[in-house]
């Protein structure tokens, strides 16, 4: 099997996997919505506890904490986001690393 045939094979498999993932994600939406609401409520209660313990002083939030919050509380699939960013035309790459993502601007 030559390189092009292998590429086509993997692209077909990738599409099938994406379709199956999308189908499963639709099935889990009601549970995720309930979890999101419960986590949001838990977060509000936790913040109220924190505020009472620390006289309302708000800590600095790191980018890493925000990413983990989006993943664990909001339910974002970080690997899916990485794939989208890596395939975005707005991504600026230096070597094999994406260093920033530009705003999508329309030409005047």
C-alpha atoms as a PDB file:
ATOM      1  CA  UNK A   1       0.000   0.000   0.000  1.00  0.00           C
ATOM      2  CA  UNK A   2       1.543   3.306  -1.047  1.00  0.00           C
ATOM      3  CA  UNK A   3       1.548   6.546   0.945  1.00  0.00           C
ATOM      4  CA  UNK A   4      -1.510   8.028  -0.789  1.00  0.00           C
ATOM      5  CA  UNK A   5      -3.551   4.867  -0.224  1.00  0.00           C
ATOM      6  CA  UNK A   6      -2.566   4.854   3.452  1.00  0.00           C
ATOM      7  CA  UNK A   7      -3.520   8.516   3.748  1.00  0.00           C
ATOM      8  CA  UNK A   8      -6.914   7.881   2.145  1.00  0.00           C
ATOM      9  CA  UNK A   9      -7.486   4.891   4.415  1.00  0.00           C
ATOM     10  CA  UNK A  10      -6.700   6.911   7.539  1.00  0.00           C
ATOM     11  CA  UNK A  11      -8.804   9.848   6.382  1.00  0.00           C
ATOM     12  CA  UNK A  12     -11.807   7.542   5.858  1.00  0.00           C
ATOM     13  CA  UNK A  13     -11.277   5.976   9.261  1.00  0.00           C
ATOM     14  CA  UNK A  14     -10.905   9.433  10.820  1.00  0.00           C
ATOM     15  CA  UNK A  15     -14.219  10.542   9.296  1.00  0.00           C
ATOM     16  CA  UNK A  16     -15.982   7.414  10.586  1.00  0.00           C
ATOM     17  CA  UNK A  17     -14.564   7.976  14.054  1.00  0.00           C
ATOM     18  CA  UNK A  18     -15.609  11.629  14.037  1.00  0.00           C
ATOM     19  CA  UNK A  19     -19.147  10.621  13.037  1.00  0.00           C
ATOM     20  CA  UNK A  20     -19.353   8.033  15.808  1.00  0.00           C
ATOM     21  CA  UNK A  21     -17.987  10.513  18.346  1.00  0.00           C
ATOM     22  CA  UNK A  22     -20.551  13.110  17.248  1.00  0.00           C
ATOM     23  CA  UNK A  23     -23.358  10.562  17.661  1.00  0.00           C
ATOM     24  CA  UNK A  24     -22.188   9.634  21.156  1.00  0.00           C
ATOM     25  CA  UNK A  25     -21.784  13.283  22.125  1.00  0.00           C
ATOM     26  CA  UNK A  26     -25.414  13.893  21.195  1.00  0.00           C
ATOM     27  CA  UNK A  27     -26.441  11.021  23.454  1.00  0.00           C
ATOM     28  CA  UNK A  28     -24.505  12.388  26.411  1.00  0.00           C
ATOM     29  CA  UNK A  29     -25.708  16.021  26.115  1.00  0.00           C
ATOM     30  CA  UNK A  30     -28.595  15.681  28.626  1.00  0.00           C
ATOM     31  CA  UNK A  31     -26.256  14.235  31.255  1.00  0.00           C
ATOM     32  CA  UNK A  32     -23.601  16.852  30.567  1.00  0.00           C
ATOM     33  CA  UNK A  33     -26.181  19.631  30.883  1.00  0.00           C
ATOM     34  CA  UNK A  34     -27.259  18.317  34.281  1.00  0.00           C
ATOM     35  CA  UNK A  35     -23.625  17.940  35.373  1.00  0.00           C
ATOM     36  CA  UNK A  36     -22.863  21.477  34.185  1.00  0.00           C
ATOM     37  CA  UNK A  37     -25.740  22.878  36.225  1.00  0.00           C
ATOM     38  CA  UNK A  38     -24.705  20.928  39.317  1.00  0.00           C
ATOM     39  CA  UNK A  39     -21.054  21.945  38.905  1.00  0.00           C
ATOM     40  CA  UNK A  40     -22.053  25.562  38.424  1.00  0.00           C
ATOM     41  CA  UNK A  41     -24.123  25.452  41.600  1.00  0.00           C
ATOM     42  CA  UNK A  42     -21.293  23.662  43.445  1.00  0.00           C
ATOM     43  CA  UNK A  43     -18.905  26.344  42.218  1.00  0.00           C
ATOM     44  CA  UNK A  44     -21.164  29.171  43.478  1.00  0.00           C
ATOM     45  CA  UNK A  45     -21.481  27.494  46.870  1.00  0.00           C
ATOM     46  CA  UNK A  46     -17.720  26.918  46.982  1.00  0.00           C
ATOM     47  CA  UNK A  47     -17.060  30.574  46.135  1.00  0.00           C
ATOM     48  CA  UNK A  48     -19.449  31.665  48.884  1.00  0.00           C
ATOM     49  CA  UNK A  49     -17.536  29.470  51.341  1.00  0.00           C
ATOM     50  CA  UNK A  50     -14.217  30.864  50.076  1.00  0.00           C
ATOM     51  CA  UNK A  51     -15.448  34.460  50.353  1.00  0.00           C
ATOM     52  CA  UNK A  52     -16.626  33.906  53.921  1.00  0.00           C
ATOM     53  CA  UNK A  53     -13.316  32.273  54.880  1.00  0.00           C
ATOM     54  CA  UNK A  54     -11.115  34.886  53.162  1.00  0.00           C
ATOM     55  CA  UNK A  55     -13.063  38.150  53.571  1.00  0.00           C
ATOM     56  CA  UNK A  56     -13.873  38.393  49.851  1.00  0.00           C
ATOM     57  CA  UNK A  57     -10.242  38.417  48.663  1.00  0.00           C
ATOM     58  CA  UNK A  58     -10.199  37.001  45.114  1.00  0.00           C
ATOM     59  CA  UNK A  59      -7.132  34.958  44.091  1.00  0.00           C
ATOM     60  CA  UNK A  60      -5.320  35.394  40.781  1.00  0.00           C
ATOM     61  CA  UNK A  61      -6.440  32.714  38.313  1.00  0.00           C
ATOM     62  CA  UNK A  62      -3.801  31.135  36.077  1.00  0.00           C
ATOM     63  CA  UNK A  63      -4.382  30.208  32.434  1.00  0.00           C
ATOM     64  CA  UNK A  64      -3.834  26.570  33.393  1.00  0.00           C
ATOM     65  CA  UNK A  65      -6.609  26.798  36.005  1.00  0.00           C
ATOM     66  CA  UNK A  66      -8.943  28.250  33.370  1.00  0.00           C
ATOM     67  CA  UNK A  67      -8.160  25.401  30.953  1.00  0.00           C
ATOM     68  CA  UNK A  68      -8.826  22.801  33.667  1.00  0.00           C
ATOM     69  CA  UNK A  69     -12.041  24.595  34.677  1.00  0.00           C
ATOM     70  CA  UNK A  70     -13.260  24.547  31.078  1.00  0.00           C
ATOM     71  CA  UNK A  71     -12.386  20.857  30.851  1.00  0.00           C
ATOM     72  CA  UNK A  72     -13.653  19.605  34.208  1.00  0.00           C
ATOM     73  CA  UNK A  73     -16.505  21.967  35.059  1.00  0.00           C
ATOM     74  CA  UNK A  74     -17.768  23.172  31.691  1.00  0.00           C
ATOM     75  CA  UNK A  75     -17.142  19.840  29.983  1.00  0.00           C
ATOM     76  CA  UNK A  76     -15.001  21.032  27.065  1.00  0.00           C
ATOM     77  CA  UNK A  77     -13.021  18.348  25.246  1.00  0.00           C
ATOM     78  CA  UNK A  78      -9.510  19.806  25.368  1.00  0.00           C
ATOM     79  CA  UNK A  79      -8.110  17.334  22.825  1.00  0.00           C
ATOM     80  CA  UNK A  80     -10.862  18.311  20.387  1.00  0.00           C
ATOM     81  CA  UNK A  81     -10.052  21.993  20.950  1.00  0.00           C
ATOM     82  CA  UNK A  82      -6.353  21.307  20.336  1.00  0.00           C
ATOM     83  CA  UNK A  83      -7.212  19.627  17.044  1.00  0.00           C
ATOM     84  CA  UNK A  84      -9.424  22.553  15.987  1.00  0.00           C
ATOM     85  CA  UNK A  85      -6.708  25.076  16.863  1.00  0.00           C
ATOM     86  CA  UNK A  86      -4.055  23.063  15.026  1.00  0.00           C
ATOM     87  CA  UNK A  87      -6.232  23.008  11.897  1.00  0.00           C
ATOM     88  CA  UNK A  88      -7.308  26.655  12.090  1.00  0.00           C
ATOM     89  CA  UNK A  89      -6.152  29.035   9.380  1.00  0.00           C
ATOM     90  CA  UNK A  90      -5.792  31.714  12.074  1.00  0.00           C
ATOM     91  CA  UNK A  91      -3.190  29.650  13.979  1.00  0.00           C
ATOM     92  CA  UNK A  92       0.331  31.031  13.802  1.00  0.00           C
ATOM     93  CA  UNK A  93       2.901  28.258  13.812  1.00  0.00           C
ATOM     94  CA  UNK A  94       6.609  28.459  14.514  1.00  0.00           C
ATOM     95  CA  UNK A  95       8.175  25.165  13.626  1.00  0.00           C
ATOM     96  CA  UNK A  96       5.872  22.505  15.046  1.00  0.00           C
ATOM     97  CA  UNK A  97       4.387  24.770  17.748  1.00  0.00           C
ATOM     98  CA  UNK A  98       1.318  27.000  17.561  1.00  0.00           C
ATOM     99  CA  UNK A  99       2.271  30.226  19.305  1.00  0.00           C
ATOM    100  CA  UNK A 100      -0.922  32.241  18.890  1.00  0.00           C
ATOM    101  CA  UNK A 101      -4.276  32.354  17.160  1.00  0.00           C
ATOM    102  CA  UNK A 102      -5.144  35.535  15.305  1.00  0.00           C
ATOM    103  CA  UNK A 103      -8.573  37.092  15.323  1.00  0.00           C
ATOM    104  CA  UNK A 104     -10.624  36.277  12.236  1.00  0.00           C
ATOM    105  CA  UNK A 105     -10.890  39.634  10.457  1.00  0.00           C
ATOM    106  CA  UNK A 106     -12.756  40.402   7.302  1.00  0.00           C
ATOM    107  CA  UNK A 107     -10.990  42.419   4.634  1.00  0.00           C
ATOM    108  CA  UNK A 108     -12.222  46.010   4.197  1.00  0.00           C
END
